[in-house]
Amino acid sequence: MKKIMLSLKPLQDTRWEKHEPTGVEFQIAPLFATLDDELSRKHSDIYGNVQSMAFAHEVAPHIIKGWRGVGENGAEIPVNQETLKRFVETHGITIMPWVLRRSRSLDFYREQEIAAAKND
């Protein structure tokens, strides 16, 4: 049996993830630790508490690369600067924390090794 190894770089540029409560699918890019730290510090108060909405607005373009099932008036809308801004304004407290957790997932760094190990 092969060992499962942790990659030092993402094995995929993005991953499609389904937000089960809504059925919406997001194409999520990994959030690298250096950017995560930089934005967390930038959007923290003097006590180190991250200001979640300011953080979400700035991080969203880095991690949300596409979506399926987000729309208005019965039509899907594309991901762009304006729609990301509106998405965070509406769902910054409810869905963005989930997207953020998925962008920090180790699945970006180990999925292929797990699949290979299971085949042995």
PDB file of N, CA and C in Angstrom:
ATOM      1  N   MET A   1       0.844  -1.192   0.000  1.00  0.00           N
ATOM      2  CA  MET A   1       0.000   0.000   0.000  1.00  0.00           C
ATOM      3  C   MET A   1       0.883   1.246   0.000  1.00  0.00           C
ATOM      4  N   LYS A   2       0.580   2.173  -0.886  1.00  0.00           N
ATOM      5  CA  LYS A   2       1.325   3.432  -0.962  1.00  0.00           C
ATOM      6  C   LYS A   2       0.954   4.342   0.195  1.00  0.00           C
ATOM      7  N   LYS A   3       1.915   5.139   0.601  1.00  0.00           N
ATOM      8  CA  LYS A   3       1.634   6.152   1.609  1.00  0.00           C
ATOM      9  C   LYS A   3       0.863   7.298   0.970  1.00  0.00           C
ATOM     10  N   ILE A   4       0.017   7.927   1.748  1.00  0.00           N
ATOM     11  CA  ILE A   4      -0.672   9.125   1.289  1.00  0.00           C
ATOM     12  C   ILE A   4       0.238  10.296   1.604  1.00  0.00           C
ATOM     13  N   MET A   5       0.578  11.063   0.570  1.00  0.00           N
ATOM     14  CA  MET A   5       1.524  12.152   0.744  1.00  0.00           C
ATOM     15  C   MET A   5       0.823  13.491   0.565  1.00  0.00           C
ATOM     16  N   LEU A   6       1.306  14.473   1.256  1.00  0.00           N
ATOM     17  CA  LEU A   6       0.775  15.825   1.182  1.00  0.00           C
ATOM     18  C   LEU A   6       1.615  16.623   0.199  1.00  0.00           C
ATOM     19  N   SER A   7       0.978  17.190  -0.800  1.00  0.00           N
ATOM     20  CA  SER A   7       1.666  17.986  -1.810  1.00  0.00           C
ATOM     21  C   SER A   7       1.963  19.381  -1.272  1.00  0.00           C
ATOM     22  N   LEU A   8       3.037  19.983  -1.748  1.00  0.00           N
ATOM     23  CA  LEU A   8       3.385  21.346  -1.361  1.00  0.00           C
ATOM     24  C   LEU A   8       2.727  22.388  -2.257  1.00  0.00           C
ATOM     25  N   LYS A   9       2.094  21.932  -3.326  1.00  0.00           N
ATOM     26  CA  LYS A   9       1.343  22.846  -4.187  1.00  0.00           C
ATOM     27  C   LYS A   9       0.008  22.192  -4.516  1.00  0.00           C
ATOM     28  N   PRO A  10      -0.992  22.988  -4.839  1.00  0.00           N
ATOM     29  CA  PRO A  10      -2.308  22.402  -5.143  1.00  0.00           C
ATOM     30  C   PRO A  10      -2.225  21.440  -6.326  1.00  0.00           C
ATOM     31  N   LEU A  11      -2.940  20.358  -6.229  1.00  0.00           N
ATOM     32  CA  LEU A  11      -2.987  19.377  -7.308  1.00  0.00           C
ATOM     33  C   LEU A  11      -3.974  19.790  -8.390  1.00  0.00           C
ATOM     34  N   GLN A  12      -4.818  20.772  -8.063  1.00  0.00           N
ATOM     35  CA  GLN A  12      -5.793  21.327  -9.003  1.00  0.00           C
ATOM     36  C   GLN A  12      -5.843  22.835  -8.795  1.00  0.00           C
ATOM     37  N   ASP A  13      -6.075  23.576  -9.865  1.00  0.00           N
ATOM     38  CA  ASP A  13      -6.202  25.031  -9.746  1.00  0.00           C
ATOM     39  C   ASP A  13      -7.498  25.419  -9.043  1.00  0.00           C
ATOM     40  N   THR A  14      -8.562  24.660  -9.298  1.00  0.00           N
ATOM     41  CA  THR A  14      -9.865  24.906  -8.680  1.00  0.00           C
ATOM     42  C   THR A  14     -10.557  23.567  -8.462  1.00  0.00           C
ATOM     43  N   ARG A  15     -11.574  23.584  -7.621  1.00  0.00           N
ATOM     44  CA  ARG A  15     -12.409  22.403  -7.373  1.00  0.00           C
ATOM     45  C   ARG A  15     -13.870  22.853  -7.393  1.00  0.00           C
ATOM     46  N   TRP A  16     -14.728  22.051  -8.007  1.00  0.00           N
ATOM     47  CA  TRP A  16     -16.162  22.316  -7.922  1.00  0.00           C
ATOM     48  C   TRP A  16     -16.672  21.688  -6.634  1.00  0.00           C
ATOM     49  N   GLU A  17     -17.355  22.496  -5.831  1.00  0.00           N
ATOM     50  CA  GLU A  17     -17.898  22.055  -4.545  1.00  0.00           C
ATOM     51  C   GLU A  17     -19.381  22.420  -4.501  1.00  0.00           C
ATOM     52  N   LYS A  18     -20.197  21.492  -4.035  1.00  0.00           N
ATOM     53  CA  LYS A  18     -21.635  21.738  -3.933  1.00  0.00           C
ATOM     54  C   LYS A  18     -21.996  22.167  -2.519  1.00  0.00           C
ATOM     55  N   HIS A  19     -22.663  23.303  -2.405  1.00  0.00           N
ATOM     56  CA  HIS A  19     -23.187  23.772  -1.125  1.00  0.00           C
ATOM     57  C   HIS A  19     -24.533  23.086  -0.942  1.00  0.00           C
ATOM     58  N   GLU A  20     -24.527  22.023  -0.168  1.00  0.00           N
ATOM     59  CA  GLU A  20     -25.708  21.152  -0.052  1.00  0.00           C
ATOM     60  C   GLU A  20     -26.997  21.878   0.359  1.00  0.00           C
ATOM     61  N   PRO A  21     -26.967  22.805   1.327  1.00  0.00           N
ATOM     62  CA  PRO A  21     -28.235  23.436   1.715  1.00  0.00           C
ATOM     63  C   PRO A  21     -28.938  24.198   0.586  1.00  0.00           C
ATOM     64  N   THR A  22     -28.163  24.727  -0.376  1.00  0.00           N
ATOM     65  CA  THR A  22     -28.772  25.501  -1.459  1.00  0.00           C
ATOM     66  C   THR A  22     -28.758  24.778  -2.800  1.00  0.00           C
ATOM     67  N   GLY A  23     -27.866  23.808  -2.954  1.00  0.00           N
ATOM     68  CA  GLY A  23     -27.697  23.135  -4.234  1.00  0.00           C
ATOM     69  C   GLY A  23     -26.789  23.888  -5.192  1.00  0.00           C
ATOM     70  N   VAL A  24     -26.285  25.051  -4.791  1.00  0.00           N
ATOM     71  CA  VAL A  24     -25.396  25.853  -5.635  1.00  0.00           C
ATOM     72  C   VAL A  24     -24.020  25.203  -5.669  1.00  0.00           C
ATOM     73  N   GLU A  25     -23.400  25.219  -6.840  1.00  0.00           N
ATOM     74  CA  GLU A  25     -22.037  24.713  -6.989  1.00  0.00           C
ATOM     75  C   GLU A  25     -21.099  25.892  -7.187  1.00  0.00           C
ATOM     76  N   PHE A  26     -19.978  25.835  -6.510  1.00  0.00           N
ATOM     77  CA  PHE A  26     -18.965  26.885  -6.596  1.00  0.00           C
ATOM     78  C   PHE A  26     -17.671  26.295  -7.120  1.00  0.00           C
ATOM     79  N   GLN A  27     -17.035  27.029  -8.024  1.00  0.00           N
ATOM     80  CA  GLN A  27     -15.695  26.669  -8.477  1.00  0.00           C
ATOM     81  C   GLN A  27     -14.740  27.449  -7.573  1.00  0.00           C
ATOM     82  N   ILE A  28     -14.075  26.734  -6.690  1.00  0.00           N
ATOM     83  CA  ILE A  28     -13.297  27.361  -5.625  1.00  0.00           C
ATOM     84  C   ILE A  28     -11.810  27.124  -5.841  1.00  0.00           C
ATOM     85  N   ALA A  29     -11.039  28.194  -5.715  1.00  0.00           N
ATOM     86  CA  ALA A  29      -9.574  28.115  -5.783  1.00  0.00           C
ATOM     87  C   ALA A  29      -9.022  28.038  -4.365  1.00  0.00           C
ATOM     88  N   PRO A  30      -7.850  27.444  -4.212  1.00  0.00           N
ATOM     89  CA  PRO A  30      -7.274  27.380  -2.873  1.00  0.00           C
ATOM     90  C   PRO A  30      -6.854  28.767  -2.386  1.00  0.00           C
ATOM     91  N   LEU A  31      -7.002  28.978  -1.096  1.00  0.00           N
ATOM     92  CA  LEU A  31      -6.537  30.208  -0.470  1.00  0.00           C
ATOM     93  C   LEU A  31      -5.194  29.898   0.177  1.00  0.00           C
ATOM     94  N   PHE A  32      -4.148  30.481  -0.364  1.00  0.00           N
ATOM     95  CA  PHE A  32      -2.808  30.224   0.148  1.00  0.00           C
ATOM     96  C   PHE A  32      -2.608  30.914   1.488  1.00  0.00           C
ATOM     97  N   ALA A  33      -1.827  30.293   2.332  1.00  0.00           N
ATOM     98  CA  ALA A  33      -1.617  30.778   3.700  1.00  0.00           C
ATOM     99  C   ALA A  33      -1.090  32.206   3.736  1.00  0.00           C
ATOM    100  N   THR A  34      -0.205  32.557   2.813  1.00  0.00           N
ATOM    101  CA  THR A  34       0.359  33.912   2.834  1.00  0.00           C
ATOM    102  C   THR A  34      -0.708  34.964   2.566  1.00  0.00           C
ATOM    103  N   LEU A  35      -1.588  34.723   1.598  1.00  0.00           N
ATOM    104  CA  LEU A  35      -2.664  35.669   1.300  1.00  0.00           C
ATOM    105  C   LEU A  35      -3.694  35.666   2.425  1.00  0.00           C
ATOM    106  N   ASP A  36      -4.008  34.508   2.949  1.00  0.00           N
ATOM    107  CA  ASP A  36      -4.946  34.388   4.053  1.00  0.00           C
ATOM    108  C   ASP A  36      -4.453  35.222   5.239  1.00  0.00           C
ATOM    109  N   ASP A  37      -3.195  35.077   5.576  1.00  0.00           N
ATOM    110  CA  ASP A  37      -2.611  35.827   6.690  1.00  0.00           C
ATOM    111  C   ASP A  37      -2.611  37.327   6.414  1.00  0.00           C
ATOM    112  N   GLU A  38      -2.204  37.701   5.199  1.00  0.00           N
ATOM    113  CA  GLU A  38      -2.155  39.122   4.828  1.00  0.00           C
ATOM    114  C   GLU A  38      -3.532  39.777   4.941  1.00  0.00           C
ATOM    115  N   LEU A  39      -4.554  39.131   4.382  1.00  0.00           N
ATOM    116  CA  LEU A  39      -5.894  39.707   4.413  1.00  0.00           C
ATOM    117  C   LEU A  39      -6.496  39.661   5.813  1.00  0.00           C
ATOM    118  N   SER A  40      -6.188  38.612   6.565  1.00  0.00           N
ATOM    119  CA  SER A  40      -6.676  38.536   7.946  1.00  0.00           C
ATOM    120  C   SER A  40      -6.112  39.676   8.778  1.00  0.00           C
ATOM    121  N   ARG A  41      -4.824  39.942   8.628  1.00  0.00           N
ATOM    122  CA  ARG A  41      -4.199  41.045   9.369  1.00  0.00           C
ATOM    123  C   ARG A  41      -4.761  42.397   8.925  1.00  0.00           C
ATOM    124  N   LYS A  42      -4.927  42.543   7.616  1.00  0.00           N
ATOM    125  CA  LYS A  42      -5.422  43.806   7.060  1.00  0.00           C
ATOM    126  C   LYS A  42      -6.823  44.135   7.576  1.00  0.00           C
ATOM    127  N   HIS A  43      -7.637  43.093   7.771  1.00  0.00           N
ATOM    128  CA  HIS A  43      -9.030  43.307   8.155  1.00  0.00           C
ATOM    129  C   HIS A  43      -9.311  42.908   9.604  1.00  0.00           C
ATOM    130  N   SER A  44      -8.311  43.103  10.473  1.00  0.00           N
ATOM    131  CA  SER A  44      -8.475  42.817  11.900  1.00  0.00           C
ATOM    132  C   SER A  44      -8.494  44.113  12.691  1.00  0.00           C
ATOM    133  N   ASP A  45      -9.229  44.081  13.799  1.00  0.00           N
ATOM    134  CA  ASP A  45      -9.226  45.232  14.692  1.00  0.00           C
ATOM    135  C   ASP A  45      -8.019  45.149  15.634  1.00  0.00           C
ATOM    136  N   ILE A  46      -7.913  46.079  16.549  1.00  0.00           N
ATOM    137  CA  ILE A  46      -6.733  46.125  17.420  1.00  0.00           C
ATOM    138  C   ILE A  46      -6.650  44.913  18.352  1.00  0.00           C
ATOM    139  N   TYR A  47      -7.733  44.179  18.493  1.00  0.00           N
ATOM    140  CA  TYR A  47      -7.741  42.989  19.340  1.00  0.00           C
ATOM    141  C   TYR A  47      -7.484  41.705  18.549  1.00  0.00           C
ATOM    142  N   GLY A  48      -7.283  41.841  17.243  1.00  0.00           N
ATOM    143  CA  GLY A  48      -7.028  40.680  16.397  1.00  0.00           C
ATOM    144  C   GLY A  48      -8.265  39.995  15.869  1.00  0.00           C
ATOM    145  N   ASN A  49      -9.426  40.599  16.078  1.00  0.00           N
ATOM    146  CA  ASN A  49     -10.672  40.032  15.559  1.00  0.00           C
ATOM    147  C   ASN A  49     -10.822  40.396  14.089  1.00  0.00           C
ATOM    148  N   VAL A  50     -10.983  39.383  13.256  1.00  0.00           N
ATOM    149  CA  VAL A  50     -11.140  39.622  11.818  1.00  0.00           C
ATOM    150  C   VAL A  50     -12.529  40.194  11.559  1.00  0.00           C
ATOM    151  N   GLN A  51     -12.567  41.279  10.802  1.00  0.00           N
ATOM    152  CA  GLN A  51     -13.832  41.889  10.381  1.00  0.00           C
ATOM    153  C   GLN A  51     -14.336  41.071   9.182  1.00  0.00           C
ATOM    154  N   SER A  52     -15.268  40.170   9.451  1.00  0.00           N
ATOM    155  CA  SER A  52     -15.636  39.135   8.489  1.00  0.00           C
ATOM    156  C   SER A  52     -16.132  39.661   7.144  1.00  0.00           C
ATOM    157  N   MET A  53     -16.927  40.702   7.122  1.00  0.00           N
ATOM    158  CA  MET A  53     -17.462  41.196   5.852  1.00  0.00           C
ATOM    159  C   MET A  53     -16.371  41.859   5.013  1.00  0.00           C
ATOM    160  N   ALA A  54     -15.519  42.656   5.619  1.00  0.00           N
ATOM    161  CA  ALA A  54     -14.422  43.284   4.873  1.00  0.00           C
ATOM    162  C   ALA A  54     -13.497  42.211   4.310  1.00  0.00           C
ATOM    163  N   PHE A  55     -13.204  41.201   5.137  1.00  0.00           N
ATOM    164  CA  PHE A  55     -12.365  40.088   4.697  1.00  0.00           C
ATOM    165  C   PHE A  55     -13.038  39.356   3.528  1.00  0.00           C
ATOM    166  N   ALA A  56     -14.331  39.049   3.660  1.00  0.00           N
ATOM    167  CA  ALA A  56     -15.062  38.319   2.625  1.00  0.00           C
ATOM    168  C   ALA A  56     -15.068  39.074   1.294  1.00  0.00           C
ATOM    169  N   HIS A  57     -15.280  40.389   1.351  1.00  0.00           N
ATOM    170  CA  HIS A  57     -15.268  41.185   0.115  1.00  0.00           C
ATOM    171  C   HIS A  57     -13.920  41.101  -0.582  1.00  0.00           C
ATOM    172  N   GLU A  58     -12.852  41.148   0.173  1.00  0.00           N
ATOM    173  CA  GLU A  58     -11.528  41.150  -0.464  1.00  0.00           C
ATOM    174  C   GLU A  58     -11.082  39.757  -0.901  1.00  0.00           C
ATOM    175  N   VAL A  59     -11.468  38.729  -0.165  1.00  0.00           N
ATOM    176  CA  VAL A  59     -11.011  37.383  -0.502  1.00  0.00           C
ATOM    177  C   VAL A  59     -11.842  36.734  -1.611  1.00  0.00           C
ATOM    178  N   ALA A  60     -13.101  37.112  -1.756  1.00  0.00           N
ATOM    179  CA  ALA A  60     -14.003  36.461  -2.721  1.00  0.00           C
ATOM    180  C   ALA A  60     -13.431  36.373  -4.136  1.00  0.00           C
ATOM    181  N   PRO A  61     -12.871  37.444  -4.715  1.00  0.00           N
ATOM    182  CA  PRO A  61     -12.346  37.314  -6.080  1.00  0.00           C
ATOM    183  C   PRO A  61     -11.167  36.342  -6.204  1.00  0.00           C
ATOM    184  N   HIS A  62     -10.486  36.102  -5.110  1.00  0.00           N
ATOM    185  CA  HIS A  62      -9.350  35.180  -5.124  1.00  0.00           C
ATOM    186  C   HIS A  62      -9.787  33.725  -5.075  1.00  0.00           C
ATOM    187  N   ILE A  63     -10.954  33.460  -4.492  1.00  0.00           N
ATOM    188  CA  ILE A  63     -11.337  32.064  -4.277  1.00  0.00           C
ATOM    189  C   ILE A  63     -12.573  31.604  -5.047  1.00  0.00           C
ATOM    190  N   ILE A  64     -13.464  32.509  -5.424  1.00  0.00           N
ATOM    191  CA  ILE A  64     -14.648  32.110  -6.202  1.00  0.00           C
ATOM    192  C   ILE A  64     -14.370  32.387  -7.669  1.00  0.00           C
ATOM    193  N   LYS A  65     -14.211  31.310  -8.428  1.00  0.00           N
ATOM    194  CA  LYS A  65     -13.870  31.435  -9.852  1.00  0.00           C
ATOM    195  C   LYS A  65     -15.044  31.126 -10.771  1.00  0.00           C
ATOM    196  N   GLY A  66     -16.094  30.572 -10.214  1.00  0.00           N
ATOM    197  CA  GLY A  66     -17.286  30.265 -11.002  1.00  0.00           C
ATOM    198  C   GLY A  66     -18.375  29.773 -10.082  1.00  0.00           C
ATOM    199  N   TRP A  67     -19.594  29.714 -10.619  1.00  0.00           N
ATOM    200  CA  TRP A  67     -20.708  29.152  -9.856  1.00  0.00           C
ATOM    201  C   TRP A  67     -21.768  28.664 -10.811  1.00  0.00           C
ATOM    202  N   ARG A  68     -22.579  27.770 -10.310  1.00  0.00           N
ATOM    203  CA  ARG A  68     -23.736  27.251 -11.031  1.00  0.00           C
ATOM    204  C   ARG A  68     -24.913  27.345 -10.070  1.00  0.00           C
ATOM    205  N   GLY A  69     -25.946  28.042 -10.488  1.00  0.00           N
ATOM    206  CA  GLY A  69     -27.133  28.130  -9.659  1.00  0.00           C
ATOM    207  C   GLY A  69     -27.298  29.452  -8.930  1.00  0.00           C
ATOM    208  N   VAL A  70     -26.494  30.440  -9.257  1.00  0.00           N
ATOM    209  CA  VAL A  70     -26.654  31.783  -8.687  1.00  0.00           C
ATOM    210  C   VAL A  70     -27.252  32.646  -9.787  1.00  0.00           C
ATOM    211  N   GLY A  71     -28.361  33.301  -9.496  1.00  0.00           N
ATOM    212  CA  GLY A  71     -28.987  34.088 -10.544  1.00  0.00           C
ATOM    213  C   GLY A  71     -30.032  35.044 -10.032  1.00  0.00           C
ATOM    214  N   GLU A  72     -30.644  35.715 -10.999  1.00  0.00           N
ATOM    215  CA  GLU A  72     -31.717  36.666 -10.730  1.00  0.00           C
ATOM    216  C   GLU A  72     -32.764  36.544 -11.820  1.00  0.00           C
ATOM    217  N   ASN A  73     -34.002  36.718 -11.450  1.00  0.00           N
ATOM    218  CA  ASN A  73     -35.111  36.709 -12.410  1.00  0.00           C
ATOM    219  C   ASN A  73     -35.108  35.461 -13.291  1.00  0.00           C
ATOM    220  N   GLY A  74     -34.761  34.320 -12.698  1.00  0.00           N
ATOM    221  CA  GLY A  74     -34.791  33.065 -13.426  1.00  0.00           C
ATOM    222  C   GLY A  74     -33.617  32.812 -14.349  1.00  0.00           C
ATOM    223  N   ALA A  75     -32.601  33.677 -14.325  1.00  0.00           N
ATOM    224  CA  ALA A  75     -31.436  33.499 -15.189  1.00  0.00           C
ATOM    225  C   ALA A  75     -30.162  33.473 -14.350  1.00  0.00           C
ATOM    226  N   GLU A  76     -29.272  32.579 -14.718  1.00  0.00           N
ATOM    227  CA  GLU A  76     -27.987  32.510 -14.032  1.00  0.00           C
ATOM    228  C   GLU A  76     -27.161  33.746 -14.372  1.00  0.00           C
ATOM    229  N   ILE A  77     -26.406  34.239 -13.396  1.00  0.00           N
ATOM    230  CA  ILE A  77     -25.559  35.406 -13.630  1.00  0.00           C
ATOM    231  C   ILE A  77     -24.093  34.980 -13.588  1.00  0.00           C
ATOM    232  N   PRO A  78     -23.247  35.663 -14.360  1.00  0.00           N
ATOM    233  CA  PRO A  78     -21.827  35.304 -14.388  1.00  0.00           C
ATOM    234  C   PRO A  78     -21.102  35.811 -13.141  1.00  0.00           C
ATOM    235  N   VAL A  79     -19.953  35.222 -12.886  1.00  0.00           N
ATOM    236  CA  VAL A  79     -19.085  35.698 -11.809  1.00  0.00           C
ATOM    237  C   VAL A  79     -18.246  36.840 -12.355  1.00  0.00           C
ATOM    238  N   ASN A  80     -18.356  37.989 -11.718  1.00  0.00           N
ATOM    239  CA  ASN A  80     -17.510  39.131 -12.058  1.00  0.00           C
ATOM    240  C   ASN A  80     -17.402  40.008 -10.808  1.00  0.00           C
ATOM    241  N   GLN A  81     -16.675  41.092 -10.911  1.00  0.00           N
ATOM    242  CA  GLN A  81     -16.438  41.944  -9.745  1.00  0.00           C
ATOM    243  C   GLN A  81     -17.756  42.417  -9.110  1.00  0.00           C
ATOM    244  N   GLU A  82     -18.689  42.844  -9.927  1.00  0.00           N
ATOM    245  CA  GLU A  82     -19.958  43.358  -9.407  1.00  0.00           C
ATOM    246  C   GLU A  82     -20.816  42.263  -8.769  1.00  0.00           C
ATOM    247  N   THR A  83     -20.921  41.097  -9.449  1.00  0.00           N
ATOM    248  CA  THR A  83     -21.762  40.040  -8.890  1.00  0.00           C
ATOM    249  C   THR A  83     -21.136  39.439  -7.631  1.00  0.00           C
ATOM    250  N   LEU A  84     -19.815  39.374  -7.580  1.00  0.00           N
ATOM    251  CA  LEU A  84     -19.158  38.909  -6.348  1.00  0.00           C
ATOM    252  C   LEU A  84     -19.433  39.869  -5.190  1.00  0.00           C
ATOM    253  N   LYS A  85     -19.379  41.156  -5.485  1.00  0.00           N
ATOM    254  CA  LYS A  85     -19.664  42.155  -4.451  1.00  0.00           C
ATOM    255  C   LYS A  85     -21.087  41.974  -3.928  1.00  0.00           C
ATOM    256  N   ARG A  86     -22.049  41.813  -4.843  1.00  0.00           N
ATOM    257  CA  ARG A  86     -23.439  41.636  -4.438  1.00  0.00           C
ATOM    258  C   ARG A  86     -23.650  40.315  -3.717  1.00  0.00           C
ATOM    259  N   PHE A  87     -22.949  39.270  -4.158  1.00  0.00           N
ATOM    260  CA  PHE A  87     -23.055  37.974  -3.490  1.00  0.00           C
ATOM    261  C   PHE A  87     -22.586  38.085  -2.036  1.00  0.00           C
ATOM    262  N   VAL A  88     -21.432  38.727  -1.819  1.00  0.00           N
ATOM    263  CA  VAL A  88     -20.912  38.872  -0.453  1.00  0.00           C
ATOM    264  C   VAL A  88     -21.833  39.754   0.381  1.00  0.00           C
ATOM    265  N   GLU A  89     -22.367  40.830  -0.201  1.00  0.00           N
ATOM    266  CA  GLU A  89     -23.291  41.691   0.545  1.00  0.00           C
ATOM    267  C   GLU A  89     -24.518  40.912   1.018  1.00  0.00           C
ATOM    268  N   THR A  90     -24.953  39.948   0.219  1.00  0.00           N
ATOM    269  CA  THR A  90     -26.142  39.173   0.546  1.00  0.00           C
ATOM    270  C   THR A  90     -25.828  37.930   1.381  1.00  0.00           C
ATOM    271  N   HIS A  91     -24.736  37.244   1.049  1.00  0.00           N
ATOM    272  CA  HIS A  91     -24.443  35.940   1.651  1.00  0.00           C
ATOM    273  C   HIS A  91     -23.103  35.899   2.393  1.00  0.00           C
ATOM    274  N   GLY A  92     -22.587  37.057   2.766  1.00  0.00           N
ATOM    275  CA  GLY A  92     -21.284  37.133   3.425  1.00  0.00           C
ATOM    276  C   GLY A  92     -21.224  36.458   4.780  1.00  0.00           C
ATOM    277  N   ILE A  93     -22.323  36.387   5.470  1.00  0.00           N
ATOM    278  CA  ILE A  93     -22.362  35.774   6.796  1.00  0.00           C
ATOM    279  C   ILE A  93     -22.852  34.328   6.724  1.00  0.00           C
ATOM    280  N   THR A  94     -23.641  33.996   5.705  1.00  0.00           N
ATOM    281  CA  THR A  94     -24.253  32.670   5.639  1.00  0.00           C
ATOM    282  C   THR A  94     -23.463  31.676   4.789  1.00  0.00           C
ATOM    283  N   ILE A  95     -23.154  32.007   3.537  1.00  0.00           N
ATOM    284  CA  ILE A  95     -22.507  31.057   2.628  1.00  0.00           C
ATOM    285  C   ILE A  95     -21.004  31.293   2.508  1.00  0.00           C
ATOM    286  N   MET A  96     -20.548  32.531   2.595  1.00  0.00           N
ATOM    287  CA  MET A  96     -19.110  32.807   2.441  1.00  0.00           C
ATOM    288  C   MET A  96     -18.229  32.061   3.446  1.00  0.00           C
ATOM    289  N   PRO A  97     -18.642  31.901   4.708  1.00  0.00           N
ATOM    290  CA  PRO A  97     -17.788  31.115   5.606  1.00  0.00           C
ATOM    291  C   PRO A  97     -17.578  29.679   5.108  1.00  0.00           C
ATOM    292  N   TRP A  98     -18.597  29.088   4.508  1.00  0.00           N
ATOM    293  CA  TRP A  98     -18.472  27.748   3.942  1.00  0.00           C
ATOM    294  C   TRP A  98     -17.502  27.765   2.755  1.00  0.00           C
ATOM    295  N   VAL A  99     -17.656  28.735   1.848  1.00  0.00           N
ATOM    296  CA  VAL A  99     -16.750  28.848   0.698  1.00  0.00           C
ATOM    297  C   VAL A  99     -15.311  29.019   1.206  1.00  0.00           C
ATOM    298  N   LEU A 100     -15.136  29.853   2.188  1.00  0.00           N
ATOM    299  CA  LEU A 100     -13.808  30.093   2.752  1.00  0.00           C
ATOM    300  C   LEU A 100     -13.221  28.806   3.336  1.00  0.00           C
ATOM    301  N   ARG A 101     -14.006  28.051   4.082  1.00  0.00           N
ATOM    302  CA  ARG A 101     -13.513  26.776   4.623  1.00  0.00           C
ATOM    303  C   ARG A 101     -13.091  25.834   3.507  1.00  0.00           C
ATOM    304  N   ARG A 102     -13.888  25.778   2.446  1.00  0.00           N
ATOM    305  CA  ARG A 102     -13.543  24.891   1.319  1.00  0.00           C
ATOM    306  C   ARG A 102     -12.283  25.376   0.610  1.00  0.00           C
ATOM    307  N   SER A 103     -12.044  26.696   0.572  1.00  0.00           N
ATOM    308  CA  SER A 103     -10.829  27.215  -0.074  1.00  0.00           C
ATOM    309  C   SER A 103      -9.576  26.893   0.745  1.00  0.00           C
ATOM    310  N   ARG A 104      -9.754  26.630   2.028  1.00  0.00           N
ATOM    311  CA  ARG A 104      -8.641  26.276   2.921  1.00  0.00           C
ATOM    312  C   ARG A 104      -8.470  24.762   3.047  1.00  0.00           C
ATOM    313  N   SER A 105      -9.257  23.987   2.336  1.00  0.00           N
ATOM    314  CA  SER A 105      -9.289  22.536   2.476  1.00  0.00           C
ATOM    315  C   SER A 105      -7.983  21.864   2.039  1.00  0.00           C
ATOM    316  N   LEU A 106      -7.600  20.843   2.774  1.00  0.00           N
ATOM    317  CA  LEU A 106      -6.442  20.035   2.392  1.00  0.00           C
ATOM    318  C   LEU A 106      -6.735  19.177   1.168  1.00  0.00           C
ATOM    319  N   ASP A 107      -7.993  19.094   0.758  1.00  0.00           N
ATOM    320  CA  ASP A 107      -8.336  18.315  -0.430  1.00  0.00           C
ATOM    321  C   ASP A 107      -7.605  18.817  -1.674  1.00  0.00           C
ATOM    322  N   PHE A 108      -7.230  20.074  -1.700  1.00  0.00           N
ATOM    323  CA  PHE A 108      -6.459  20.595  -2.830  1.00  0.00           C
ATOM    324  C   PHE A 108      -5.080  19.945  -2.902  1.00  0.00           C
ATOM    325  N   TYR A 109      -4.604  19.410  -1.804  1.00  0.00           N
ATOM    326  CA  TYR A 109      -3.236  18.933  -1.698  1.00  0.00           C
ATOM    327  C   TYR A 109      -3.095  17.423  -1.540  1.00  0.00           C
ATOM    328  N   ARG A 110      -4.207  16.688  -1.471  1.00  0.00           N
ATOM    329  CA  ARG A 110      -4.079  15.257  -1.217  1.00  0.00           C
ATOM    330  C   ARG A 110      -5.032  14.358  -1.988  1.00  0.00           C
ATOM    331  N   GLU A 111      -5.985  14.869  -2.660  1.00  0.00           N
ATOM    332  CA  GLU A 111      -7.019  14.035  -3.261  1.00  0.00           C
ATOM    333  C   GLU A 111      -6.469  12.970  -4.193  1.00  0.00           C
ATOM    334  N   GLN A 112      -5.550  13.337  -5.082  1.00  0.00           N
ATOM    335  CA  GLN A 112      -5.034  12.361  -6.034  1.00  0.00           C
ATOM    336  C   GLN A 112      -4.251  11.258  -5.345  1.00  0.00           C
ATOM    337  N   GLU A 113      -3.511  11.596  -4.306  1.00  0.00           N
ATOM    338  CA  GLU A 113      -2.764  10.572  -3.585  1.00  0.00           C
ATOM    339  C   GLU A 113      -3.710   9.589  -2.894  1.00  0.00           C
ATOM    340  N   ILE A 114      -4.803  10.079  -2.357  1.00  0.00           N
ATOM    341  CA  ILE A 114      -5.779   9.199  -1.709  1.00  0.00           C
ATOM    342  C   ILE A 114      -6.367   8.247  -2.747  1.00  0.00           C
ATOM    343  N   ALA A 115      -6.730   8.775  -3.909  1.00  0.00           N
ATOM    344  CA  ALA A 115      -7.290   7.944  -4.968  1.00  0.00           C
ATOM    345  C   ALA A 115      -6.280   6.874  -5.389  1.00  0.00           C
ATOM    346  N   ALA A 116      -5.022   7.253  -5.531  1.00  0.00           N
ATOM    347  CA  ALA A 116      -3.978   6.306  -5.923  1.00  0.00           C
ATOM    348  C   ALA A 116      -3.775   5.243  -4.839  1.00  0.00           C
ATOM    349  N   ALA A 117      -3.801   5.642  -3.588  1.00  0.00           N
ATOM    350  CA  ALA A 117      -3.612   4.706  -2.485  1.00  0.00           C
ATOM    351  C   ALA A 117      -4.762   3.699  -2.425  1.00  0.00           C
ATOM    352  N   LYS A 118      -5.977   4.150  -2.717  1.00  0.00           N
ATOM    353  CA  LYS A 118      -7.132   3.255  -2.676  1.00  0.00           C
ATOM    354  C   LYS A 118      -7.069   2.208  -3.766  1.00  0.00           C
ATOM    355  N   ASN A 119      -6.379   2.512  -4.878  1.00  0.00           N
ATOM    356  CA  ASN A 119      -6.294   1.579  -5.989  1.00  0.00           C
ATOM    357  C   ASN A 119      -5.262   0.475  -5.761  1.00  0.00           C
ATOM    358  N   ASP A 120      -4.451   0.609  -4.739  1.00  0.00           N
ATOM    359  CA  ASP A 120      -3.416  -0.424  -4.469  1.00  0.00           C
ATOM    360  C   ASP A 120      -3.956  -1.565  -3.652  1.00  0.00           C
TER     361      ASP A 120
END
